[in-house]
Amino acid sequence: MWRSVRAADLSRVFHRAGGTDVAERLCDQDLDRIGAEVIYPHGTLNSFTSPDPAFQLAMARVYNDYYNETFSGHPERFVVSVVISMIKIESAVAEAKRVSALDFRSLSIPMHVPRLPYNMADYEPFWTTAAELGISLALHVFTAAKTSDATQPARAAPGEDLAYKIIEQAGA
């Protein structure tokens, strides 16, 4: 049973209204007989590619607060994987604790952190915190972009893959 797609939905650059309109998204879930879904962060590449720890943390907090405002009213239907910047481990620990207190159940971390591989002992406080909180970790392949010193976030044109654009700008 499909319903017609509104013209306004088709004109959106990234997605139709069900992408951010919770009522529409719940309707889509019901029509598709989906009981719950995992929501992965949108725009993480813009934060993970900056070499500035304060910028990465600020971007993560903005996204995480937005996800909290948007989806927290339906924890039985949405498992949101929030953004965790790993460039400064103490900040990652603090943000993990903050979002756990908001009842988030998944943390999205970048595929790698330049100059600080995940197998280093430096990460032990973060791994311990995640384990103690009982919170899942998620890695998304498109967060493996190289660090950029761009002053403006990259935006993809409709139909263009943002991940490849950022990697191309970084000189890969």
N, C-alpha and C. Protein backbone atom coordinates (compact mmCIF):
# COMPACT_ATOMS: atom_id res chain seq x y z
N MET A 1 0.85 -1.19 0.00
CA MET A 1 0.00 0.00 0.00
C MET A 1 0.89 1.24 0.00
N TRP A 2 0.99 1.91 -1.12
CA TRP A 2 1.83 3.09 -1.25
C TRP A 2 0.95 4.32 -1.32
N ARG A 3 1.42 5.40 -0.72
CA ARG A 3 0.70 6.65 -0.86
C ARG A 3 1.46 7.54 -1.83
N SER A 4 0.79 8.50 -2.40
CA SER A 4 1.45 9.35 -3.39
C SER A 4 2.46 10.27 -2.71
N VAL A 5 3.53 10.56 -3.41
CA VAL A 5 4.57 11.45 -2.91
C VAL A 5 4.21 12.86 -3.34
N ARG A 6 4.25 13.77 -2.39
CA ARG A 6 3.92 15.16 -2.69
C ARG A 6 5.03 15.82 -3.49
N ALA A 7 4.68 16.76 -4.37
CA ALA A 7 5.68 17.45 -5.18
C ALA A 7 6.70 18.17 -4.31
N ALA A 8 6.25 18.71 -3.18
CA ALA A 8 7.17 19.41 -2.28
C ALA A 8 8.24 18.47 -1.76
N ASP A 9 7.90 17.21 -1.54
CA ASP A 9 8.88 16.23 -1.08
C ASP A 9 9.93 15.96 -2.15
N LEU A 10 9.50 15.92 -3.42
CA LEU A 10 10.44 15.63 -4.50
C LEU A 10 11.44 16.75 -4.71
N SER A 11 11.11 17.97 -4.31
CA SER A 11 12.01 19.09 -4.53
C SER A 11 13.08 19.22 -3.45
N ARG A 12 13.01 18.43 -2.42
CA ARG A 12 14.02 18.51 -1.36
C ARG A 12 15.36 18.04 -1.90
N VAL A 13 16.42 18.70 -1.46
CA VAL A 13 17.75 18.36 -1.94
C VAL A 13 18.19 17.00 -1.43
N PHE A 14 18.00 16.71 -0.16
CA PHE A 14 18.55 15.50 0.43
C PHE A 14 17.54 14.37 0.59
N HIS A 15 16.28 14.69 0.85
CA HIS A 15 15.31 13.64 1.14
C HIS A 15 13.92 14.23 1.18
N ARG A 16 12.95 13.36 1.23
CA ARG A 16 11.56 13.81 1.35
C ARG A 16 11.24 14.15 2.80
N ALA A 17 10.07 14.68 3.05
CA ALA A 17 9.70 15.17 4.38
C ALA A 17 9.83 14.11 5.47
N GLY A 18 9.61 12.85 5.14
CA GLY A 18 9.72 11.80 6.13
C GLY A 18 11.11 11.66 6.73
N GLY A 19 12.08 12.29 6.11
CA GLY A 19 13.43 12.24 6.65
C GLY A 19 13.60 13.02 7.94
N THR A 20 12.86 14.10 8.09
CA THR A 20 12.98 14.93 9.30
C THR A 20 11.65 15.20 9.99
N ASP A 21 10.57 14.95 9.34
CA ASP A 21 9.25 15.16 9.94
C ASP A 21 8.86 13.86 10.65
N VAL A 22 8.88 13.90 11.97
CA VAL A 22 8.66 12.68 12.76
C VAL A 22 7.30 12.06 12.48
N ALA A 23 6.26 12.87 12.36
CA ALA A 23 4.93 12.32 12.08
C ALA A 23 4.92 11.58 10.75
N GLU A 24 5.56 12.16 9.72
CA GLU A 24 5.65 11.49 8.41
C GLU A 24 6.47 10.21 8.51
N ARG A 25 7.55 10.28 9.26
CA ARG A 25 8.42 9.12 9.40
C ARG A 25 7.68 7.98 10.11
N LEU A 26 6.93 8.29 11.16
CA LEU A 26 6.15 7.28 11.86
C LEU A 26 5.08 6.68 10.94
N CYS A 27 4.49 7.54 10.12
CA CYS A 27 3.50 7.06 9.15
C CYS A 27 4.16 6.10 8.16
N ASP A 28 5.35 6.46 7.68
CA ASP A 28 6.08 5.58 6.77
C ASP A 28 6.39 4.24 7.44
N GLN A 29 6.83 4.30 8.69
CA GLN A 29 7.12 3.06 9.42
C GLN A 29 5.87 2.19 9.49
N ASP A 30 4.76 2.80 9.85
CA ASP A 30 3.51 2.04 9.97
C ASP A 30 3.10 1.42 8.63
N LEU A 31 3.18 2.21 7.56
CA LEU A 31 2.81 1.71 6.24
C LEU A 31 3.71 0.56 5.81
N ASP A 32 4.98 0.64 6.17
CA ASP A 32 5.93 -0.40 5.79
C ASP A 32 6.04 -1.51 6.83
N ARG A 33 5.22 -1.42 7.87
CA ARG A 33 5.20 -2.40 8.97
C ARG A 33 6.58 -2.55 9.62
N ILE A 34 7.18 -1.39 9.88
CA ILE A 34 8.48 -1.34 10.55
C ILE A 34 8.23 -0.91 11.99
N GLY A 35 8.71 -1.70 12.94
CA GLY A 35 8.47 -1.41 14.34
C GLY A 35 9.40 -0.35 14.91
N ALA A 36 10.62 -0.27 14.39
CA ALA A 36 11.61 0.70 14.88
C ALA A 36 12.73 0.79 13.86
N GLU A 37 13.49 1.86 13.94
CA GLU A 37 14.62 2.03 13.04
C GLU A 37 15.77 2.72 13.73
N VAL A 38 16.96 2.49 13.19
CA VAL A 38 18.15 3.18 13.66
C VAL A 38 18.33 4.42 12.79
N ILE A 39 18.54 5.55 13.43
CA ILE A 39 18.77 6.81 12.73
C ILE A 39 20.26 7.11 12.84
N TYR A 40 20.95 7.11 11.69
CA TYR A 40 22.36 7.45 11.68
C TYR A 40 22.51 8.94 11.40
N PRO A 41 23.55 9.54 11.94
CA PRO A 41 23.70 11.00 11.81
C PRO A 41 23.91 11.44 10.37
N HIS A 42 23.36 12.58 10.09
CA HIS A 42 23.47 13.21 8.78
C HIS A 42 24.44 14.38 8.93
N GLY A 43 25.43 14.47 8.09
CA GLY A 43 26.34 15.60 8.16
C GLY A 43 27.59 15.37 8.99
N THR A 44 27.83 14.15 9.41
CA THR A 44 29.00 13.90 10.26
C THR A 44 30.31 14.21 9.56
N LEU A 45 30.35 14.08 8.25
CA LEU A 45 31.60 14.36 7.55
C LEU A 45 32.06 15.80 7.75
N ASN A 46 31.11 16.71 7.86
CA ASN A 46 31.48 18.10 8.09
C ASN A 46 32.20 18.28 9.41
N SER A 47 31.86 17.51 10.41
CA SER A 47 32.52 17.66 11.70
C SER A 47 33.77 16.81 11.82
N PHE A 48 33.77 15.61 11.29
CA PHE A 48 34.92 14.72 11.45
C PHE A 48 36.13 15.15 10.63
N THR A 49 35.96 15.96 9.60
CA THR A 49 37.09 16.33 8.75
C THR A 49 37.83 17.57 9.25
N SER A 50 37.29 18.27 10.19
CA SER A 50 37.97 19.45 10.73
C SER A 50 39.11 19.02 11.66
N PRO A 51 40.26 19.69 11.59
CA PRO A 51 41.36 19.38 12.51
C PRO A 51 41.19 20.05 13.88
N ASP A 52 40.13 20.84 14.04
CA ASP A 52 39.92 21.62 15.25
C ASP A 52 39.03 20.86 16.24
N PRO A 53 39.58 20.43 17.38
CA PRO A 53 38.79 19.67 18.36
C PRO A 53 37.57 20.44 18.88
N ALA A 54 37.71 21.74 19.09
CA ALA A 54 36.58 22.53 19.60
C ALA A 54 35.46 22.59 18.57
N PHE A 55 35.82 22.74 17.29
CA PHE A 55 34.81 22.76 16.22
C PHE A 55 34.10 21.42 16.14
N GLN A 56 34.88 20.32 16.15
CA GLN A 56 34.28 18.99 16.08
C GLN A 56 33.31 18.77 17.23
N LEU A 57 33.70 19.16 18.44
CA LEU A 57 32.83 18.97 19.60
C LEU A 57 31.57 19.83 19.47
N ALA A 58 31.73 21.08 19.05
CA ALA A 58 30.57 21.96 18.90
C ALA A 58 29.59 21.40 17.87
N MET A 59 30.12 20.92 16.72
CA MET A 59 29.25 20.34 15.70
C MET A 59 28.54 19.10 16.24
N ALA A 60 29.26 18.26 16.95
CA ALA A 60 28.65 17.06 17.51
C ALA A 60 27.53 17.42 18.47
N ARG A 61 27.77 18.38 19.33
CA ARG A 61 26.74 18.77 20.31
C ARG A 61 25.50 19.34 19.63
N VAL A 62 25.71 20.14 18.58
CA VAL A 62 24.56 20.70 17.84
C VAL A 62 23.74 19.58 17.22
N TYR A 63 24.41 18.65 16.52
CA TYR A 63 23.69 17.52 15.92
C TYR A 63 22.99 16.71 17.01
N ASN A 64 23.68 16.41 18.07
CA ASN A 64 23.10 15.56 19.11
C ASN A 64 21.91 16.22 19.79
N ASP A 65 22.00 17.51 20.03
CA ASP A 65 20.86 18.23 20.62
C ASP A 65 19.67 18.25 19.65
N TYR A 66 19.98 18.42 18.36
CA TYR A 66 18.91 18.38 17.35
C TYR A 66 18.23 17.01 17.34
N TYR A 67 19.03 15.94 17.33
CA TYR A 67 18.45 14.59 17.35
C TYR A 67 17.61 14.38 18.60
N ASN A 68 18.07 14.89 19.71
CA ASN A 68 17.31 14.76 20.96
C ASN A 68 15.97 15.48 20.84
N GLU A 69 15.99 16.71 20.36
CA GLU A 69 14.75 17.47 20.20
C GLU A 69 13.80 16.82 19.21
N THR A 70 14.35 16.24 18.16
CA THR A 70 13.53 15.69 17.08
C THR A 70 12.96 14.31 17.40
N PHE A 71 13.78 13.41 17.93
CA PHE A 71 13.37 12.01 18.03
C PHE A 71 13.13 11.48 19.44
N SER A 72 13.45 12.25 20.48
CA SER A 72 13.38 11.71 21.85
C SER A 72 11.97 11.36 22.31
N GLY A 73 10.97 11.89 21.66
CA GLY A 73 9.60 11.59 22.05
C GLY A 73 9.14 10.19 21.70
N HIS A 74 9.96 9.46 20.95
CA HIS A 74 9.57 8.12 20.49
C HIS A 74 10.74 7.14 20.61
N PRO A 75 11.25 6.92 21.82
CA PRO A 75 12.41 6.03 21.97
C PRO A 75 12.13 4.58 21.58
N GLU A 76 10.86 4.19 21.59
CA GLU A 76 10.52 2.83 21.20
C GLU A 76 10.53 2.65 19.68
N ARG A 77 10.55 3.75 18.93
CA ARG A 77 10.51 3.69 17.47
C ARG A 77 11.82 4.12 16.81
N PHE A 78 12.63 4.92 17.53
CA PHE A 78 13.86 5.45 16.95
C PHE A 78 15.05 5.18 17.87
N VAL A 79 16.07 4.55 17.33
CA VAL A 79 17.34 4.40 18.02
C VAL A 79 18.30 5.32 17.27
N VAL A 80 18.60 6.46 17.87
CA VAL A 80 19.44 7.44 17.21
C VAL A 80 20.90 7.19 17.57
N SER A 81 21.74 7.12 16.55
CA SER A 81 23.19 7.01 16.76
C SER A 81 23.77 8.41 16.65
N VAL A 82 24.17 8.96 17.77
CA VAL A 82 24.63 10.35 17.81
C VAL A 82 26.10 10.46 17.43
N VAL A 83 26.54 11.68 17.16
CA VAL A 83 27.89 11.98 16.71
C VAL A 83 28.83 12.12 17.91
N ILE A 84 29.95 11.41 17.86
CA ILE A 84 30.98 11.57 18.88
C ILE A 84 32.29 11.91 18.17
N SER A 85 32.82 13.08 18.47
CA SER A 85 34.13 13.47 17.95
C SER A 85 35.19 12.76 18.78
N MET A 86 36.13 12.12 18.11
CA MET A 86 37.17 11.36 18.81
C MET A 86 38.53 12.06 18.78
N ILE A 87 38.60 13.26 18.26
CA ILE A 87 39.86 13.95 18.12
C ILE A 87 40.46 14.36 19.47
N LYS A 88 39.61 14.52 20.48
CA LYS A 88 40.05 14.81 21.84
C LYS A 88 39.30 13.84 22.75
N ILE A 89 39.99 12.87 23.27
CA ILE A 89 39.37 11.75 23.96
C ILE A 89 38.60 12.17 25.20
N GLU A 90 39.11 13.13 25.95
CA GLU A 90 38.40 13.59 27.16
C GLU A 90 37.02 14.16 26.78
N SER A 91 36.97 14.89 25.66
CA SER A 91 35.69 15.44 25.20
C SER A 91 34.76 14.33 24.72
N ALA A 92 35.32 13.30 24.10
CA ALA A 92 34.51 12.17 23.64
C ALA A 92 33.87 11.46 24.83
N VAL A 93 34.64 11.28 25.90
CA VAL A 93 34.11 10.65 27.11
C VAL A 93 32.98 11.50 27.69
N ALA A 94 33.22 12.81 27.80
CA ALA A 94 32.20 13.70 28.37
C ALA A 94 30.92 13.71 27.52
N GLU A 95 31.07 13.75 26.19
CA GLU A 95 29.89 13.77 25.32
C GLU A 95 29.16 12.43 25.37
N ALA A 96 29.89 11.33 25.45
CA ALA A 96 29.25 10.02 25.59
C ALA A 96 28.40 9.96 26.85
N LYS A 97 28.92 10.46 27.95
CA LYS A 97 28.16 10.49 29.20
C LYS A 97 26.95 11.40 29.09
N ARG A 98 27.13 12.57 28.45
CA ARG A 98 26.02 13.52 28.31
C ARG A 98 24.88 12.92 27.49
N VAL A 99 25.21 12.32 26.33
CA VAL A 99 24.14 11.79 25.48
C VAL A 99 23.53 10.52 26.07
N SER A 100 24.31 9.77 26.83
CA SER A 100 23.75 8.60 27.51
C SER A 100 22.70 9.04 28.52
N ALA A 101 22.96 10.14 29.20
CA ALA A 101 22.00 10.68 30.17
C ALA A 101 20.71 11.14 29.48
N LEU A 102 20.80 11.42 28.17
CA LEU A 102 19.63 11.80 27.38
C LEU A 102 18.94 10.57 26.78
N ASP A 103 19.40 9.38 27.18
CA ASP A 103 18.83 8.09 26.75
C ASP A 103 19.16 7.69 25.32
N PHE A 104 20.22 8.25 24.74
CA PHE A 104 20.69 7.74 23.46
C PHE A 104 21.34 6.39 23.69
N ARG A 105 21.27 5.50 22.68
CA ARG A 105 21.76 4.13 22.82
C ARG A 105 22.85 3.75 21.84
N SER A 106 23.29 4.69 21.01
CA SER A 106 24.32 4.39 20.02
C SER A 106 25.18 5.63 19.77
N LEU A 107 26.49 5.42 19.65
CA LEU A 107 27.44 6.50 19.38
C LEU A 107 28.09 6.26 18.04
N SER A 108 28.01 7.22 17.13
CA SER A 108 28.69 7.12 15.84
C SER A 108 30.05 7.80 15.95
N ILE A 109 31.09 7.01 15.69
CA ILE A 109 32.45 7.54 15.73
C ILE A 109 33.05 7.42 14.34
N PRO A 110 34.04 8.26 14.01
CA PRO A 110 34.64 8.19 12.67
C PRO A 110 35.39 6.87 12.47
N MET A 111 35.57 6.49 11.22
CA MET A 111 36.28 5.25 10.90
C MET A 111 37.70 5.26 11.47
N HIS A 112 38.34 6.41 11.45
CA HIS A 112 39.67 6.54 12.02
C HIS A 112 39.91 7.99 12.41
N VAL A 113 40.88 8.19 13.26
CA VAL A 113 41.29 9.53 13.65
C VAL A 113 42.74 9.70 13.19
N PRO A 114 43.00 10.70 12.34
CA PRO A 114 44.37 10.88 11.87
C PRO A 114 45.36 11.00 13.03
N ARG A 115 46.46 10.34 12.90
CA ARG A 115 47.57 10.36 13.85
C ARG A 115 47.24 9.74 15.20
N LEU A 116 46.07 9.11 15.35
CA LEU A 116 45.74 8.47 16.63
C LEU A 116 44.87 7.24 16.36
N PRO A 117 45.48 6.12 15.94
CA PRO A 117 44.71 4.91 15.64
C PRO A 117 43.97 4.38 16.88
N TYR A 118 42.85 3.74 16.64
CA TYR A 118 42.02 3.25 17.74
C TYR A 118 42.67 2.17 18.60
N ASN A 119 43.75 1.57 18.15
CA ASN A 119 44.38 0.53 18.96
C ASN A 119 45.37 1.11 19.99
N MET A 120 45.44 2.42 20.10
CA MET A 120 46.33 3.04 21.08
C MET A 120 45.68 3.06 22.46
N ALA A 121 46.49 2.96 23.48
CA ALA A 121 46.00 2.94 24.87
C ALA A 121 45.30 4.24 25.25
N ASP A 122 45.57 5.31 24.54
CA ASP A 122 44.93 6.61 24.82
C ASP A 122 43.41 6.53 24.85
N TYR A 123 42.85 5.59 24.07
CA TYR A 123 41.40 5.46 23.97
C TYR A 123 40.76 4.68 25.12
N GLU A 124 41.54 4.08 25.97
CA GLU A 124 41.00 3.23 27.02
C GLU A 124 39.90 3.92 27.84
N PRO A 125 40.06 5.20 28.22
CA PRO A 125 38.96 5.85 28.97
C PRO A 125 37.65 5.88 28.18
N PHE A 126 37.72 6.05 26.86
CA PHE A 126 36.50 6.08 26.05
C PHE A 126 35.88 4.69 25.97
N TRP A 127 36.71 3.67 25.65
CA TRP A 127 36.17 2.30 25.55
C TRP A 127 35.55 1.87 26.88
N THR A 128 36.22 2.21 27.98
CA THR A 128 35.70 1.86 29.31
C THR A 128 34.37 2.56 29.56
N THR A 129 34.29 3.85 29.22
CA THR A 129 33.06 4.61 29.41
C THR A 129 31.92 4.01 28.60
N ALA A 130 32.17 3.71 27.32
CA ALA A 130 31.13 3.14 26.47
C ALA A 130 30.64 1.81 27.04
N ALA A 131 31.57 0.99 27.52
CA ALA A 131 31.20 -0.31 28.10
C ALA A 131 30.39 -0.12 29.38
N GLU A 132 30.82 0.79 30.24
CA GLU A 132 30.10 1.04 31.50
C GLU A 132 28.70 1.59 31.24
N LEU A 133 28.57 2.40 30.20
CA LEU A 133 27.25 2.97 29.86
C LEU A 133 26.37 1.95 29.14
N GLY A 134 26.97 0.88 28.63
CA GLY A 134 26.21 -0.11 27.88
C GLY A 134 25.70 0.44 26.57
N ILE A 135 26.47 1.31 25.96
CA ILE A 135 26.03 1.99 24.75
C ILE A 135 26.78 1.43 23.54
N SER A 136 26.08 1.22 22.44
CA SER A 136 26.66 0.65 21.22
C SER A 136 27.48 1.68 20.48
N LEU A 137 28.48 1.20 19.75
CA LEU A 137 29.29 2.05 18.89
C LEU A 137 28.96 1.74 17.44
N ALA A 138 28.93 2.78 16.61
CA ALA A 138 28.66 2.61 15.18
C ALA A 138 29.74 3.33 14.39
N LEU A 139 30.18 2.69 13.33
CA LEU A 139 31.15 3.28 12.41
C LEU A 139 30.54 3.29 11.02
N HIS A 140 30.67 4.39 10.31
CA HIS A 140 30.11 4.50 8.98
C HIS A 140 31.25 4.71 7.99
N VAL A 141 31.28 3.93 6.94
CA VAL A 141 32.39 3.95 6.00
C VAL A 141 32.65 5.34 5.42
N PHE A 142 31.64 6.17 5.26
CA PHE A 142 31.85 7.49 4.67
C PHE A 142 32.40 8.50 5.67
N THR A 143 32.76 8.09 6.86
CA THR A 143 33.42 9.00 7.79
C THR A 143 34.93 8.81 7.73
N ALA A 144 35.43 8.19 6.69
CA ALA A 144 36.87 7.95 6.55
C ALA A 144 37.55 9.02 5.72
N ALA A 145 36.89 10.15 5.49
CA ALA A 145 37.47 11.22 4.70
C ALA A 145 38.70 11.79 5.37
N LYS A 146 39.61 12.32 4.54
CA LYS A 146 40.83 12.93 5.07
C LYS A 146 40.50 14.26 5.73
N THR A 147 41.38 14.69 6.62
CA THR A 147 41.23 15.97 7.29
C THR A 147 41.30 17.09 6.27
N SER A 148 40.51 18.12 6.48
CA SER A 148 40.48 19.26 5.59
C SER A 148 40.69 20.54 6.38
N ASP A 149 41.27 21.53 5.75
CA ASP A 149 41.40 22.83 6.41
C ASP A 149 40.42 23.83 5.82
N ALA A 150 39.39 23.33 5.15
CA ALA A 150 38.38 24.20 4.54
C ALA A 150 37.70 25.05 5.60
N THR A 151 37.39 26.29 5.24
CA THR A 151 36.74 27.19 6.19
C THR A 151 35.22 27.09 6.12
N GLN A 152 34.69 26.47 5.06
CA GLN A 152 33.25 26.30 4.91
C GLN A 152 32.93 24.83 4.75
N PRO A 153 31.81 24.36 5.32
CA PRO A 153 31.42 22.97 5.11
C PRO A 153 31.13 22.72 3.64
N ALA A 154 31.49 21.56 3.16
CA ALA A 154 31.21 21.20 1.77
C ALA A 154 29.75 20.80 1.64
N ARG A 155 29.16 21.14 0.53
CA ARG A 155 27.79 20.74 0.23
C ARG A 155 27.77 20.07 -1.12
N ALA A 156 27.07 19.00 -1.24
CA ALA A 156 26.95 18.30 -2.51
C ALA A 156 25.75 18.83 -3.26
N ALA A 157 25.87 18.86 -4.58
CA ALA A 157 24.74 19.22 -5.43
C ALA A 157 23.77 18.04 -5.41
N PRO A 158 22.49 18.29 -5.74
CA PRO A 158 21.54 17.17 -5.78
C PRO A 158 22.08 16.05 -6.67
N GLY A 159 22.07 14.85 -6.16
CA GLY A 159 22.54 13.69 -6.89
C GLY A 159 24.04 13.44 -6.78
N GLU A 160 24.78 14.37 -6.19
CA GLU A 160 26.23 14.21 -6.04
C GLU A 160 26.52 13.61 -4.67
N ASP A 161 27.46 12.71 -4.60
CA ASP A 161 27.81 12.06 -3.34
C ASP A 161 28.73 12.96 -2.53
N LEU A 162 28.25 13.44 -1.39
CA LEU A 162 29.01 14.36 -0.55
C LEU A 162 30.33 13.75 -0.08
N ALA A 163 30.34 12.48 0.24
CA ALA A 163 31.57 11.86 0.73
C ALA A 163 32.68 11.95 -0.30
N TYR A 164 32.36 11.65 -1.56
CA TYR A 164 33.39 11.71 -2.59
C TYR A 164 33.83 13.13 -2.86
N LYS A 165 32.92 14.09 -2.76
CA LYS A 165 33.28 15.49 -2.95
C LYS A 165 34.28 15.92 -1.90
N ILE A 166 34.05 15.56 -0.65
CA ILE A 166 34.96 15.94 0.43
C ILE A 166 36.31 15.27 0.26
N ILE A 167 36.30 14.00 -0.08
CA ILE A 167 37.56 13.29 -0.29
C ILE A 167 38.33 13.92 -1.44
N GLU A 168 37.63 14.28 -2.51
CA GLU A 168 38.27 14.92 -3.66
C GLU A 168 38.87 16.27 -3.25
N GLN A 169 38.14 17.07 -2.45
CA GLN A 169 38.64 18.36 -2.01
C GLN A 169 39.87 18.21 -1.13
N ALA A 170 39.95 17.10 -0.40
CA ALA A 170 41.07 16.87 0.49
C ALA A 170 42.30 16.40 -0.26
N GLY A 171 42.14 16.14 -1.55
CA GLY A 171 43.28 15.76 -2.36
C GLY A 171 43.55 14.27 -2.42
N ALA A 172 42.56 13.46 -2.12
CA ALA A 172 42.74 12.00 -2.15
C ALA A 172 42.67 11.49 -3.56
